[in-house]
Amino acid sequence: MIHLDTSFLIQALVPESASETRLQEWIIAGEDVGISSIAWSELLCGPLKAEDIALAESLFAAHEPFLMADAAKAAELFNGTGRRSRSLADCQIAAVAIRCDARMATHNITDFAPFQSFGLILT
C-alpha cells in the first residue's frame, strides 16, 4: 500500500510529470494506492481546476478515514519531533499511513523524514 501526500498527488495530476509517470507505474504494477481523508481535504483546498478534482476522484473511490488512534499517533508525532517545526496536518497524514502500514509518497521529504523513526516509510 502506498499513501499519497497532497504534494505528490498535486504533481501527479500534471500530465507527463514524473509524479504522474510514477503513479501510473504503481497502478500498472498492481500496487494499492490510497489517500487519507486529511490529504484529501488539503487537496480540495488547493488551487485545482474542476477537472483535476474529477481526475483525483476517479483514482480514489474511498479515502482512508482519520481515527481516534490516528489522533493519538499524530499527537505523538507532533510532540515527539519538535512541535513548532511540524505541521499538524502532516502529522495526521503520517499517522494514517503508519496505521495502514502504507509507504508514503511525498515531495516534502524534509517534512515527513522525522516521522521515519516512528514507523513511517517514505517511497
PDB file of N, CA and C in Angstrom:
ATOM      1  N   MET A   1       0.848  -1.180   0.000  1.00  0.00           N
ATOM      2  CA  MET A   1       0.000   0.000   0.000  1.00  0.00           C
ATOM      3  C   MET A   1       0.886   1.234   0.000  1.00  0.00           C
ATOM      4  N   ILE A   2       0.511   2.187  -0.827  1.00  0.00           N
ATOM      5  CA  ILE A   2       1.197   3.473  -0.896  1.00  0.00           C
ATOM      6  C   ILE A   2       0.159   4.562  -0.670  1.00  0.00           C
ATOM      7  N   HIS A   3       0.415   5.423   0.303  1.00  0.00           N
ATOM      8  CA  HIS A   3      -0.435   6.591   0.512  1.00  0.00           C
ATOM      9  C   HIS A   3       0.239   7.791  -0.125  1.00  0.00           C
ATOM     10  N   LEU A   4      -0.552   8.612  -0.782  1.00  0.00           N
ATOM     11  CA  LEU A   4      -0.026   9.807  -1.422  1.00  0.00           C
ATOM     12  C   LEU A   4      -0.251  11.015  -0.525  1.00  0.00           C
ATOM     13  N   ASP A   5       0.800  11.777  -0.339  1.00  0.00           N
ATOM     14  CA  ASP A   5       0.681  13.071   0.312  1.00  0.00           C
ATOM     15  C   ASP A   5       0.115  14.050  -0.714  1.00  0.00           C
ATOM     16  N   THR A   6      -0.445  15.126  -0.232  1.00  0.00           N
ATOM     17  CA  THR A   6      -1.039  16.123  -1.119  1.00  0.00           C
ATOM     18  C   THR A   6      -0.037  16.644  -2.139  1.00  0.00           C
ATOM     19  N   SER A   7       1.190  16.888  -1.700  1.00  0.00           N
ATOM     20  CA  SER A   7       2.203  17.438  -2.617  1.00  0.00           C
ATOM     21  C   SER A   7       2.466  16.494  -3.784  1.00  0.00           C
ATOM     22  N   PHE A   8       2.482  15.197  -3.504  1.00  0.00           N
ATOM     23  CA  PHE A   8       2.710  14.223  -4.569  1.00  0.00           C
ATOM     24  C   PHE A   8       1.503  14.168  -5.501  1.00  0.00           C
ATOM     25  N   LEU A   9       0.314  14.116  -4.926  1.00  0.00           N
ATOM     26  CA  LEU A   9      -0.891  13.991  -5.746  1.00  0.00           C
ATOM     27  C   LEU A   9      -1.076  15.199  -6.659  1.00  0.00           C
ATOM     28  N   ILE A  10      -0.813  16.394  -6.150  1.00  0.00           N
ATOM     29  CA  ILE A  10      -0.947  17.588  -6.990  1.00  0.00           C
ATOM     30  C   ILE A  10      -0.033  17.480  -8.204  1.00  0.00           C
ATOM     31  N   GLN A  11       1.199  17.031  -7.999  1.00  0.00           N
ATOM     32  CA  GLN A  11       2.128  16.882  -9.119  1.00  0.00           C
ATOM     33  C   GLN A  11       1.719  15.729 -10.033  1.00  0.00           C
ATOM     34  N   ALA A  12       1.129  14.673  -9.455  1.00  0.00           N
ATOM     35  CA  ALA A  12       0.703  13.524 -10.261  1.00  0.00           C
ATOM     36  C   ALA A  12      -0.453  13.886 -11.192  1.00  0.00           C
ATOM     37  N   LEU A  13      -1.169  14.951 -10.874  1.00  0.00           N
ATOM     38  CA  LEU A  13      -2.267  15.393 -11.729  1.00  0.00           C
ATOM     39  C   LEU A  13      -1.780  16.214 -12.918  1.00  0.00           C
ATOM     40  N   VAL A  14      -0.486  16.515 -12.952  1.00  0.00           N
ATOM     41  CA  VAL A  14       0.102  17.264 -14.070  1.00  0.00           C
ATOM     42  C   VAL A  14       0.477  16.268 -15.166  1.00  0.00           C
ATOM     43  N   PRO A  15      -0.132  16.377 -16.342  1.00  0.00           N
ATOM     44  CA  PRO A  15       0.168  15.428 -17.425  1.00  0.00           C
ATOM     45  C   PRO A  15       1.663  15.381 -17.747  1.00  0.00           C
ATOM     46  N   GLU A  16       2.152  14.159 -17.914  1.00  0.00           N
ATOM     47  CA  GLU A  16       3.530  13.876 -18.306  1.00  0.00           C
ATOM     48  C   GLU A  16       4.570  14.272 -17.259  1.00  0.00           C
ATOM     49  N   SER A  17       4.138  14.521 -16.029  1.00  0.00           N
ATOM     50  CA  SER A  17       5.093  14.820 -14.961  1.00  0.00           C
ATOM     51  C   SER A  17       5.712  13.516 -14.458  1.00  0.00           C
ATOM     52  N   ALA A  18       6.840  13.630 -13.791  1.00  0.00           N
ATOM     53  CA  ALA A  18       7.489  12.449 -13.213  1.00  0.00           C
ATOM     54  C   ALA A  18       6.568  11.777 -12.198  1.00  0.00           C
ATOM     55  N   SER A  19       5.807  12.573 -11.467  1.00  0.00           N
ATOM     56  CA  SER A  19       4.885  12.007 -10.478  1.00  0.00           C
ATOM     57  C   SER A  19       3.740  11.259 -11.141  1.00  0.00           C
ATOM     58  N   GLU A  20       3.232  11.790 -12.247  1.00  0.00           N
ATOM     59  CA  GLU A  20       2.177  11.082 -12.979  1.00  0.00           C
ATOM     60  C   GLU A  20       2.705   9.741 -13.477  1.00  0.00           C
ATOM     61  N   THR A  21       3.909   9.749 -14.023  1.00  0.00           N
ATOM     62  CA  THR A  21       4.517   8.513 -14.523  1.00  0.00           C
ATOM     63  C   THR A  21       4.688   7.504 -13.399  1.00  0.00           C
ATOM     64  N   ARG A  22       5.180   7.964 -12.254  1.00  0.00           N
ATOM     65  CA  ARG A  22       5.401   7.052 -11.129  1.00  0.00           C
ATOM     66  C   ARG A  22       4.079   6.469 -10.632  1.00  0.00           C
ATOM     67  N   LEU A  23       3.058   7.302 -10.529  1.00  0.00           N
ATOM     68  CA  LEU A  23       1.746   6.823 -10.098  1.00  0.00           C
ATOM     69  C   LEU A  23       1.210   5.784 -11.071  1.00  0.00           C
ATOM     70  N   GLN A  24       1.330   6.041 -12.363  1.00  0.00           N
ATOM     71  CA  GLN A  24       0.879   5.073 -13.365  1.00  0.00           C
ATOM     72  C   GLN A  24       1.648   3.760 -13.240  1.00  0.00           C
ATOM     73  N   GLU A  25       2.942   3.832 -12.985  1.00  0.00           N
ATOM     74  CA  GLU A  25       3.744   2.611 -12.821  1.00  0.00           C
ATOM     75  C   GLU A  25       3.253   1.796 -11.635  1.00  0.00           C
ATOM     76  N   TRP A  26       2.958   2.465 -10.523  1.00  0.00           N
ATOM     77  CA  TRP A  26       2.448   1.754  -9.352  1.00  0.00           C
ATOM     78  C   TRP A  26       1.116   1.085  -9.660  1.00  0.00           C
ATOM     79  N   ILE A  27       0.231   1.801 -10.322  1.00  0.00           N
ATOM     80  CA  ILE A  27      -1.092   1.253 -10.637  1.00  0.00           C
ATOM     81  C   ILE A  27      -0.964   0.062 -11.578  1.00  0.00           C
ATOM     82  N   ILE A  28      -0.139   0.187 -12.610  1.00  0.00           N
ATOM     83  CA  ILE A  28       0.078  -0.916 -13.558  1.00  0.00           C
ATOM     84  C   ILE A  28       0.679  -2.127 -12.852  1.00  0.00           C
ATOM     85  N   ALA A  29       1.557  -1.878 -11.879  1.00  0.00           N
ATOM     86  CA  ALA A  29       2.197  -2.968 -11.134  1.00  0.00           C
ATOM     87  C   ALA A  29       1.257  -3.610 -10.116  1.00  0.00           C
ATOM     88  N   GLY A  30       0.054  -3.064  -9.985  1.00  0.00           N
ATOM     89  CA  GLY A  30      -0.917  -3.646  -9.066  1.00  0.00           C
ATOM     90  C   GLY A  30      -0.790  -3.168  -7.633  1.00  0.00           C
ATOM     91  N   GLU A  31      -0.021  -2.107  -7.409  1.00  0.00           N
ATOM     92  CA  GLU A  31       0.104  -1.546  -6.061  1.00  0.00           C
ATOM     93  C   GLU A  31      -1.231  -0.941  -5.639  1.00  0.00           C
ATOM     94  N   ASP A  32      -1.579  -1.125  -4.382  1.00  0.00           N
ATOM     95  CA  ASP A  32      -2.720  -0.412  -3.825  1.00  0.00           C
ATOM     96  C   ASP A  32      -2.252   1.006  -3.518  1.00  0.00           C
ATOM     97  N   VAL A  33      -2.934   1.979  -4.070  1.00  0.00           N
ATOM     98  CA  VAL A  33      -2.581   3.381  -3.874  1.00  0.00           C
ATOM     99  C   VAL A  33      -3.774   4.067  -3.231  1.00  0.00           C
ATOM    100  N   GLY A  34      -3.511   4.804  -2.157  1.00  0.00           N
ATOM    101  CA  GLY A  34      -4.603   5.457  -1.452  1.00  0.00           C
ATOM    102  C   GLY A  34      -4.236   6.838  -0.966  1.00  0.00           C
ATOM    103  N   ILE A  35      -5.197   7.444  -0.306  1.00  0.00           N
ATOM    104  CA  ILE A  35      -5.022   8.786   0.238  1.00  0.00           C
ATOM    105  C   ILE A  35      -5.845   8.883   1.514  1.00  0.00           C
ATOM    106  N   SER A  36      -5.323   9.594   2.485  1.00  0.00           N
ATOM    107  CA  SER A  36      -6.068   9.782   3.729  1.00  0.00           C
ATOM    108  C   SER A  36      -7.106  10.886   3.550  1.00  0.00           C
ATOM    109  N   SER A  37      -8.097  10.876   4.418  1.00  0.00           N
ATOM    110  CA  SER A  37      -9.110  11.933   4.363  1.00  0.00           C
ATOM    111  C   SER A  37      -8.488  13.297   4.660  1.00  0.00           C
ATOM    112  N   ILE A  38      -7.409  13.319   5.430  1.00  0.00           N
ATOM    113  CA  ILE A  38      -6.721  14.580   5.727  1.00  0.00           C
ATOM    114  C   ILE A  38      -6.067  15.123   4.455  1.00  0.00           C
ATOM    115  N   ALA A  39      -5.331  14.272   3.745  1.00  0.00           N
ATOM    116  CA  ALA A  39      -4.690  14.703   2.495  1.00  0.00           C
ATOM    117  C   ALA A  39      -5.745  15.098   1.460  1.00  0.00           C
ATOM    118  N   TRP A  40      -6.862  14.373   1.451  1.00  0.00           N
ATOM    119  CA  TRP A  40      -7.938  14.706   0.507  1.00  0.00           C
ATOM    120  C   TRP A  40      -8.473  16.112   0.799  1.00  0.00           C
ATOM    121  N   SER A  41      -8.657  16.423   2.067  1.00  0.00           N
ATOM    122  CA  SER A  41      -9.123  17.752   2.453  1.00  0.00           C
ATOM    123  C   SER A  41      -8.133  18.826   2.017  1.00  0.00           C
ATOM    124  N   GLU A  42      -6.843  18.569   2.223  1.00  0.00           N
ATOM    125  CA  GLU A  42      -5.819  19.520   1.762  1.00  0.00           C
ATOM    126  C   GLU A  42      -5.903  19.721   0.253  1.00  0.00           C
ATOM    127  N   LEU A  43      -6.079  18.622  -0.469  1.00  0.00           N
ATOM    128  CA  LEU A  43      -6.168  18.704  -1.928  1.00  0.00           C
ATOM    129  C   LEU A  43      -7.322  19.603  -2.354  1.00  0.00           C
ATOM    130  N   LEU A  44      -8.472  19.410  -1.722  1.00  0.00           N
ATOM    131  CA  LEU A  44      -9.654  20.188  -2.088  1.00  0.00           C
ATOM    132  C   LEU A  44      -9.502  21.678  -1.765  1.00  0.00           C
ATOM    133  N   CYS A  45      -8.589  22.010  -0.866  1.00  0.00           N
ATOM    134  CA  CYS A  45      -8.321  23.416  -0.524  1.00  0.00           C
ATOM    135  C   CYS A  45      -7.327  24.056  -1.484  1.00  0.00           C
ATOM    136  N   GLY A  46      -6.720  23.248  -2.325  1.00  0.00           N
ATOM    137  CA  GLY A  46      -5.676  23.745  -3.217  1.00  0.00           C
ATOM    138  C   GLY A  46      -6.220  24.431  -4.447  1.00  0.00           C
ATOM    139  N   PRO A  47      -5.328  25.037  -5.189  1.00  0.00           N
ATOM    140  CA  PRO A  47      -5.729  25.741  -6.412  1.00  0.00           C
ATOM    141  C   PRO A  47      -5.879  24.779  -7.589  1.00  0.00           C
ATOM    142  N   LEU A  48      -6.934  23.980  -7.570  1.00  0.00           N
ATOM    143  CA  LEU A  48      -7.144  22.982  -8.613  1.00  0.00           C
ATOM    144  C   LEU A  48      -8.341  23.337  -9.476  1.00  0.00           C
ATOM    145  N   LYS A  49      -8.279  22.886 -10.704  1.00  0.00           N
ATOM    146  CA  LYS A  49      -9.418  23.024 -11.609  1.00  0.00           C
ATOM    147  C   LYS A  49     -10.397  21.879 -11.340  1.00  0.00           C
ATOM    148  N   ALA A  50     -11.627  22.066 -11.736  1.00  0.00           N
ATOM    149  CA  ALA A  50     -12.656  21.047 -11.528  1.00  0.00           C
ATOM    150  C   ALA A  50     -12.253  19.721 -12.157  1.00  0.00           C
ATOM    151  N   GLU A  51     -11.605  19.758 -13.324  1.00  0.00           N
ATOM    152  CA  GLU A  51     -11.203  18.503 -13.970  1.00  0.00           C
ATOM    153  C   GLU A  51     -10.095  17.790 -13.194  1.00  0.00           C
ATOM    154  N   ASP A  52      -9.251  18.546 -12.475  1.00  0.00           N
ATOM    155  CA  ASP A  52      -8.230  17.917 -11.634  1.00  0.00           C
ATOM    156  C   ASP A  52      -8.879  17.161 -10.483  1.00  0.00           C
ATOM    157  N   ILE A  53      -9.870  17.784  -9.879  1.00  0.00           N
ATOM    158  CA  ILE A  53     -10.581  17.132  -8.777  1.00  0.00           C
ATOM    159  C   ILE A  53     -11.325  15.909  -9.289  1.00  0.00           C
ATOM    160  N   ALA A  54     -11.943  16.007 -10.450  1.00  0.00           N
ATOM    161  CA  ALA A  54     -12.649  14.858 -11.034  1.00  0.00           C
ATOM    162  C   ALA A  54     -11.680  13.715 -11.304  1.00  0.00           C
ATOM    163  N   LEU A  55     -10.498  14.034 -11.812  1.00  0.00           N
ATOM    164  CA  LEU A  55      -9.492  13.001 -12.057  1.00  0.00           C
ATOM    165  C   LEU A  55      -9.067  12.351 -10.749  1.00  0.00           C
ATOM    166  N   ALA A  56      -8.813  13.152  -9.732  1.00  0.00           N
ATOM    167  CA  ALA A  56      -8.426  12.606  -8.431  1.00  0.00           C
ATOM    168  C   ALA A  56      -9.535  11.733  -7.855  1.00  0.00           C
ATOM    169  N   GLU A  57     -10.781  12.155  -8.002  1.00  0.00           N
ATOM    170  CA  GLU A  57     -11.910  11.353  -7.518  1.00  0.00           C
ATOM    171  C   GLU A  57     -11.982  10.015  -8.238  1.00  0.00           C
ATOM    172  N   SER A  58     -11.625   9.995  -9.515  1.00  0.00           N
ATOM    173  CA  SER A  58     -11.659   8.735 -10.262  1.00  0.00           C
ATOM    174  C   SER A  58     -10.560   7.779  -9.799  1.00  0.00           C
ATOM    175  N   LEU A  59      -9.483   8.321  -9.270  1.00  0.00           N
ATOM    176  CA  LEU A  59      -8.377   7.482  -8.788  1.00  0.00           C
ATOM    177  C   LEU A  59      -8.663   6.881  -7.422  1.00  0.00           C
ATOM    178  N   PHE A  60      -9.429   7.601  -6.607  1.00  0.00           N
ATOM    179  CA  PHE A  60      -9.653   7.189  -5.220  1.00  0.00           C
ATOM    180  C   PHE A  60     -11.139   7.150  -4.921  1.00  0.00           C
ATOM    181  N   ALA A  61     -11.707   5.963  -5.007  1.00  0.00           N
ATOM    182  CA  ALA A  61     -13.130   5.811  -4.720  1.00  0.00           C
ATOM    183  C   ALA A  61     -13.410   6.065  -3.240  1.00  0.00           C
ATOM    184  N   ALA A  62     -12.438   5.751  -2.401  1.00  0.00           N
ATOM    185  CA  ALA A  62     -12.589   5.942  -0.960  1.00  0.00           C
ATOM    186  C   ALA A  62     -11.302   6.541  -0.409  1.00  0.00           C
ATOM    187  N   HIS A  63     -11.445   7.203   0.716  1.00  0.00           N
ATOM    188  CA  HIS A  63     -10.303   7.799   1.387  1.00  0.00           C
ATOM    189  C   HIS A  63     -10.178   7.153   2.755  1.00  0.00           C
ATOM    190  N   GLU A  64      -8.956   6.908   3.191  1.00  0.00           N
ATOM    191  CA  GLU A  64      -8.743   6.285   4.498  1.00  0.00           C
ATOM    192  C   GLU A  64      -9.131   7.296   5.579  1.00  0.00           C
ATOM    193  N   PRO A  65     -10.048   6.919   6.472  1.00  0.00           N
ATOM    194  CA  PRO A  65     -10.516   7.868   7.489  1.00  0.00           C
ATOM    195  C   PRO A  65      -9.457   8.141   8.561  1.00  0.00           C
ATOM    196  N   PHE A  66      -9.663   9.217   9.280  1.00  0.00           N
ATOM    197  CA  PHE A  66      -8.813   9.602  10.404  1.00  0.00           C
ATOM    198  C   PHE A  66      -9.501   9.111  11.672  1.00  0.00           C
ATOM    199  N   LEU A  67      -8.882   8.148  12.349  1.00  0.00           N
ATOM    200  CA  LEU A  67      -9.481   7.500  13.516  1.00  0.00           C
ATOM    201  C   LEU A  67      -8.945   8.082  14.822  1.00  0.00           C
ATOM    202  N   MET A  68      -9.578   7.725  15.925  1.00  0.00           N
ATOM    203  CA  MET A  68      -9.106   8.162  17.243  1.00  0.00           C
ATOM    204  C   MET A  68      -7.659   7.735  17.478  1.00  0.00           C
ATOM    205  N   ALA A  69      -7.322   6.508  17.075  1.00  0.00           N
ATOM    206  CA  ALA A  69      -5.940   6.034  17.238  1.00  0.00           C
ATOM    207  C   ALA A  69      -4.979   6.891  16.417  1.00  0.00           C
ATOM    208  N   ASP A  70      -5.438   7.362  15.265  1.00  0.00           N
ATOM    209  CA  ASP A  70      -4.607   8.237  14.434  1.00  0.00           C
ATOM    210  C   ASP A  70      -4.385   9.579  15.132  1.00  0.00           C
ATOM    211  N   ALA A  71      -5.402  10.062  15.835  1.00  0.00           N
ATOM    212  CA  ALA A  71      -5.268  11.326  16.563  1.00  0.00           C
ATOM    213  C   ALA A  71      -4.184  11.210  17.629  1.00  0.00           C
ATOM    214  N   ALA A  72      -4.180  10.087  18.337  1.00  0.00           N
ATOM    215  CA  ALA A  72      -3.153   9.875  19.362  1.00  0.00           C
ATOM    216  C   ALA A  72      -1.768   9.773  18.729  1.00  0.00           C
ATOM    217  N   LYS A  73      -1.660   9.056  17.616  1.00  0.00           N
ATOM    218  CA  LYS A  73      -0.369   8.919  16.931  1.00  0.00           C
ATOM    219  C   LYS A  73       0.086  10.264  16.380  1.00  0.00           C
ATOM    220  N   ALA A  74      -0.840  11.044  15.823  1.00  0.00           N
ATOM    221  CA  ALA A  74      -0.486  12.365  15.293  1.00  0.00           C
ATOM    222  C   ALA A  74       0.052  13.266  16.403  1.00  0.00           C
ATOM    223  N   ALA A  75      -0.561  13.206  17.574  1.00  0.00           N
ATOM    224  CA  ALA A  75      -0.071  13.993  18.708  1.00  0.00           C
ATOM    225  C   ALA A  75       1.323  13.525  19.125  1.00  0.00           C
ATOM    226  N   GLU A  76       1.532  12.212  19.109  1.00  0.00           N
ATOM    227  CA  GLU A  76       2.862  11.669  19.422  1.00  0.00           C
ATOM    228  C   GLU A  76       3.896  12.185  18.420  1.00  0.00           C
ATOM    229  N   LEU A  77       3.552  12.178  17.145  1.00  0.00           N
ATOM    230  CA  LEU A  77       4.465  12.680  16.113  1.00  0.00           C
ATOM    231  C   LEU A  77       4.726  14.173  16.297  1.00  0.00           C
ATOM    232  N   PHE A  78       3.667  14.924  16.550  1.00  0.00           N
ATOM    233  CA  PHE A  78       3.776  16.376  16.715  1.00  0.00           C
ATOM    234  C   PHE A  78       4.662  16.718  17.908  1.00  0.00           C
ATOM    235  N   ASN A  79       4.392  16.078  19.042  1.00  0.00           N
ATOM    236  CA  ASN A  79       5.144  16.361  20.264  1.00  0.00           C
ATOM    237  C   ASN A  79       6.540  15.759  20.245  1.00  0.00           C
ATOM    238  N   GLY A  80       6.700  14.660  19.536  1.00  0.00           N
ATOM    239  CA  GLY A  80       7.980  13.951  19.540  1.00  0.00           C
ATOM    240  C   GLY A  80       8.990  14.437  18.520  1.00  0.00           C
ATOM    241  N   THR A  81       8.585  15.369  17.657  1.00  0.00           N
ATOM    242  CA  THR A  81       9.506  15.817  16.602  1.00  0.00           C
ATOM    243  C   THR A  81       9.706  17.330  16.593  1.00  0.00           C
ATOM    244  N   GLY A  82       9.333  17.994  17.653  1.00  0.00           N
ATOM    245  CA  GLY A  82       9.532  19.437  17.706  1.00  0.00           C
ATOM    246  C   GLY A  82       8.293  20.177  17.277  1.00  0.00           C
ATOM    247  N   ARG A  83       7.434  20.422  18.210  1.00  0.00           N
ATOM    248  CA  ARG A  83       6.103  20.987  17.967  1.00  0.00           C
ATOM    249  C   ARG A  83       6.100  22.174  17.019  1.00  0.00           C
ATOM    250  N   ARG A  84       6.972  23.096  17.207  1.00  0.00           N
ATOM    251  CA  ARG A  84       6.928  24.335  16.424  1.00  0.00           C
ATOM    252  C   ARG A  84       7.343  24.129  14.969  1.00  0.00           C
ATOM    253  N   SER A  85       8.086  23.079  14.719  1.00  0.00           N
ATOM    254  CA  SER A  85       8.582  22.873  13.347  1.00  0.00           C
ATOM    255  C   SER A  85       7.702  21.926  12.535  1.00  0.00           C
ATOM    256  N   ARG A  86       6.626  21.435  13.097  1.00  0.00           N
ATOM    257  CA  ARG A  86       5.782  20.447  12.436  1.00  0.00           C
ATOM    258  C   ARG A  86       4.431  21.021  12.061  1.00  0.00           C
ATOM    259  N   SER A  87       3.905  20.554  10.966  1.00  0.00           N
ATOM    260  CA  SER A  87       2.529  20.829  10.579  1.00  0.00           C
ATOM    261  C   SER A  87       1.656  19.729  11.176  1.00  0.00           C
ATOM    262  N   LEU A  88       0.605  20.120  11.872  1.00  0.00           N
ATOM    263  CA  LEU A  88      -0.295  19.117  12.442  1.00  0.00           C
ATOM    264  C   LEU A  88      -0.900  18.258  11.337  1.00  0.00           C
ATOM    265  N   ALA A  89      -1.233  18.851  10.199  1.00  0.00           N
ATOM    266  CA  ALA A  89      -1.792  18.069   9.091  1.00  0.00           C
ATOM    267  C   ALA A  89      -0.801  17.015   8.612  1.00  0.00           C
ATOM    268  N   ASP A  90       0.480  17.357   8.523  1.00  0.00           N
ATOM    269  CA  ASP A  90       1.484  16.359   8.128  1.00  0.00           C
ATOM    270  C   ASP A  90       1.540  15.227   9.145  1.00  0.00           C
ATOM    271  N   CYS A  91       1.445  15.568  10.426  1.00  0.00           N
ATOM    272  CA  CYS A  91       1.434  14.543  11.472  1.00  0.00           C
ATOM    273  C   CYS A  91       0.220  13.629  11.315  1.00  0.00           C
ATOM    274  N   GLN A  92      -0.925  14.201  10.989  1.00  0.00           N
ATOM    275  CA  GLN A  92      -2.147  13.417  10.813  1.00  0.00           C
ATOM    276  C   GLN A  92      -2.040  12.504   9.594  1.00  0.00           C
ATOM    277  N   ILE A  93      -1.521  13.026   8.499  1.00  0.00           N
ATOM    278  CA  ILE A  93      -1.348  12.225   7.282  1.00  0.00           C
ATOM    279  C   ILE A  93      -0.385  11.075   7.548  1.00  0.00           C
ATOM    280  N   ALA A  94       0.713  11.366   8.236  1.00  0.00           N
ATOM    281  CA  ALA A  94       1.692  10.325   8.561  1.00  0.00           C
ATOM    282  C   ALA A  94       1.093   9.281   9.495  1.00  0.00           C
ATOM    283  N   ALA A  95       0.297   9.710  10.465  1.00  0.00           N
ATOM    284  CA  ALA A  95      -0.312   8.777  11.414  1.00  0.00           C
ATOM    285  C   ALA A  95      -1.209   7.768  10.702  1.00  0.00           C
ATOM    286  N   VAL A  96      -1.985   8.225   9.746  1.00  0.00           N
ATOM    287  CA  VAL A  96      -2.858   7.314   8.991  1.00  0.00           C
ATOM    288  C   VAL A  96      -2.014   6.321   8.195  1.00  0.00           C
ATOM    289  N   ALA A  97      -0.968   6.800   7.546  1.00  0.00           N
ATOM    290  CA  ALA A  97      -0.097   5.907   6.767  1.00  0.00           C
ATOM    291  C   ALA A  97       0.555   4.863   7.666  1.00  0.00           C
ATOM    292  N   ILE A  98       1.007   5.277   8.851  1.00  0.00           N
ATOM    293  CA  ILE A  98       1.634   4.333   9.783  1.00  0.00           C
ATOM    294  C   ILE A  98       0.630   3.263  10.192  1.00  0.00           C
ATOM    295  N   ARG A  99      -0.598   3.668  10.536  1.00  0.00           N
ATOM    296  CA  ARG A  99      -1.623   2.682  10.931  1.00  0.00           C
ATOM    297  C   ARG A  99      -1.903   1.681   9.817  1.00  0.00           C
ATOM    298  N   CYS A 100      -1.902   2.158   8.590  1.00  0.00           N
ATOM    299  CA  CYS A 100      -2.221   1.307   7.436  1.00  0.00           C
ATOM    300  C   CYS A 100      -1.014   0.524   6.922  1.00  0.00           C
ATOM    301  N   ASP A 101       0.134   0.669   7.581  1.00  0.00           N
ATOM    302  CA  ASP A 101       1.378   0.053   7.091  1.00  0.00           C
ATOM    303  C   ASP A 101       1.634   0.441   5.639  1.00  0.00           C
ATOM    304  N   ALA A 102       1.330   1.679   5.313  1.00  0.00           N
ATOM    305  CA  ALA A 102       1.490   2.171   3.944  1.00  0.00           C
ATOM    306  C   ALA A 102       2.782   2.970   3.821  1.00  0.00           C
ATOM    307  N   ARG A 103       3.419   2.844   2.677  1.00  0.00           N
ATOM    308  CA  ARG A 103       4.541   3.724   2.356  1.00  0.00           C
ATOM    309  C   ARG A 103       3.963   5.079   1.960  1.00  0.00           C
ATOM    310  N   MET A 104       4.717   6.137   2.198  1.00  0.00           N
ATOM    311  CA  MET A 104       4.250   7.491   1.904  1.00  0.00           C
ATOM    312  C   MET A 104       5.007   8.063   0.719  1.00  0.00           C
ATOM    313  N   ALA A 105       4.253   8.485  -0.289  1.00  0.00           N
ATOM    314  CA  ALA A 105       4.840   9.181  -1.436  1.00  0.00           C
ATOM    315  C   ALA A 105       4.608  10.673  -1.228  1.00  0.00           C
ATOM    316  N   THR A 106       5.686  11.432  -1.186  1.00  0.00           N
ATOM    317  CA  THR A 106       5.599  12.869  -0.953  1.00  0.00           C
ATOM    318  C   THR A 106       6.729  13.586  -1.666  1.00  0.00           C
ATOM    319  N   HIS A 107       6.515  14.852  -1.951  1.00  0.00           N
ATOM    320  CA  HIS A 107       7.595  15.703  -2.452  1.00  0.00           C
ATOM    321  C   HIS A 107       8.176  16.532  -1.318  1.00  0.00           C
ATOM    322  N   ASN A 108       7.573  16.451  -0.153  1.00  0.00           N
ATOM    323  CA  ASN A 108       8.050  17.180   1.020  1.00  0.00           C
ATOM    324  C   ASN A 108       8.812  16.236   1.949  1.00  0.00           C
ATOM    325  N   ILE A 109       9.888  15.682   1.439  1.00  0.00           N
ATOM    326  CA  ILE A 109      10.671  14.700   2.195  1.00  0.00           C
ATOM    327  C   ILE A 109      11.109  15.269   3.540  1.00  0.00           C
ATOM    328  N   THR A 110      11.595  16.502   3.557  1.00  0.00           N
ATOM    329  CA  THR A 110      12.096  17.066   4.816  1.00  0.00           C
ATOM    330  C   THR A 110      10.992  17.200   5.860  1.00  0.00           C
ATOM    331  N   ASP A 111       9.742  17.392   5.428  1.00  0.00           N
ATOM    332  CA  ASP A 111       8.634  17.493   6.376  1.00  0.00           C
ATOM    333  C   ASP A 111       8.275  16.140   6.983  1.00  0.00           C
ATOM    334  N   PHE A 112       8.418  15.074   6.207  1.00  0.00           N
ATOM    335  CA  PHE A 112       7.997  13.751   6.668  1.00  0.00           C
ATOM    336  C   PHE A 112       9.144  12.891   7.205  1.00  0.00           C
ATOM    337  N   ALA A 113      10.376  13.220   6.878  1.00  0.00           N
ATOM    338  CA  ALA A 113      11.523  12.415   7.313  1.00  0.00           C
ATOM    339  C   ALA A 113      11.581  12.215   8.832  1.00  0.00           C
ATOM    340  N   PRO A 114      11.263  13.219   9.659  1.00  0.00           N
ATOM    341  CA  PRO A 114      11.330  12.995  11.109  1.00  0.00           C
ATOM    342  C   PRO A 114      10.388  11.907  11.616  1.00  0.00           C
ATOM    343  N   PHE A 115       9.378  11.574  10.845  1.00  0.00           N
ATOM    344  CA  PHE A 115       8.414  10.564  11.275  1.00  0.00           C
ATOM    345  C   PHE A 115       8.900   9.140  11.005  1.00  0.00           C
ATOM    346  N   GLN A 116      10.001   9.004  10.296  1.00  0.00           N
ATOM    347  CA  GLN A 116      10.516   7.670   9.987  1.00  0.00           C
ATOM    348  C   GLN A 116      10.892   6.913  11.256  1.00  0.00           C
ATOM    349  N   SER A 117      11.390   7.600  12.256  1.00  0.00           N
ATOM    350  CA  SER A 117      11.757   6.914  13.499  1.00  0.00           C
ATOM    351  C   SER A 117      10.527   6.433  14.266  1.00  0.00           C
ATOM    352  N   PHE A 118       9.341   6.860  13.840  1.00  0.00           N
ATOM    353  CA  PHE A 118       8.081   6.424  14.448  1.00  0.00           C
ATOM    354  C   PHE A 118       7.379   5.361  13.601  1.00  0.00           C
ATOM    355  N   GLY A 119       8.034   4.932  12.517  1.00  0.00           N
ATOM    356  CA  GLY A 119       7.480   3.860  11.701  1.00  0.00           C
ATOM    357  C   GLY A 119       7.035   4.245  10.307  1.00  0.00           C
ATOM    358  N   LEU A 120       7.109   5.524   9.941  1.00  0.00           N
ATOM    359  CA  LEU A 120       6.718   5.928   8.592  1.00  0.00           C
ATOM    360  C   LEU A 120       7.788   5.500   7.597  1.00  0.00           C
ATOM    361  N   ILE A 121       7.352   4.945   6.481  1.00  0.00           N
ATOM    362  CA  ILE A 121       8.265   4.534   5.410  1.00  0.00           C
ATOM    363  C   ILE A 121       8.007   5.439   4.216  1.00  0.00           C
ATOM    364  N   LEU A 122       9.046   6.141   3.782  1.00  0.00           N
ATOM    365  CA  LEU A 122       8.934   7.020   2.617  1.00  0.00           C
ATOM    366  C   LEU A 122       9.339   6.272   1.366  1.00  0.00           C
ATOM    367  N   THR A 123       8.645   6.561   0.263  1.00  0.00           N
ATOM    368  CA  THR A 123       8.978   5.924  -1.003  1.00  0.00           C
ATOM    369  C   THR A 123       9.255   6.970  -2.057  1.00  0.00           C
TER     370      THR A 123
END
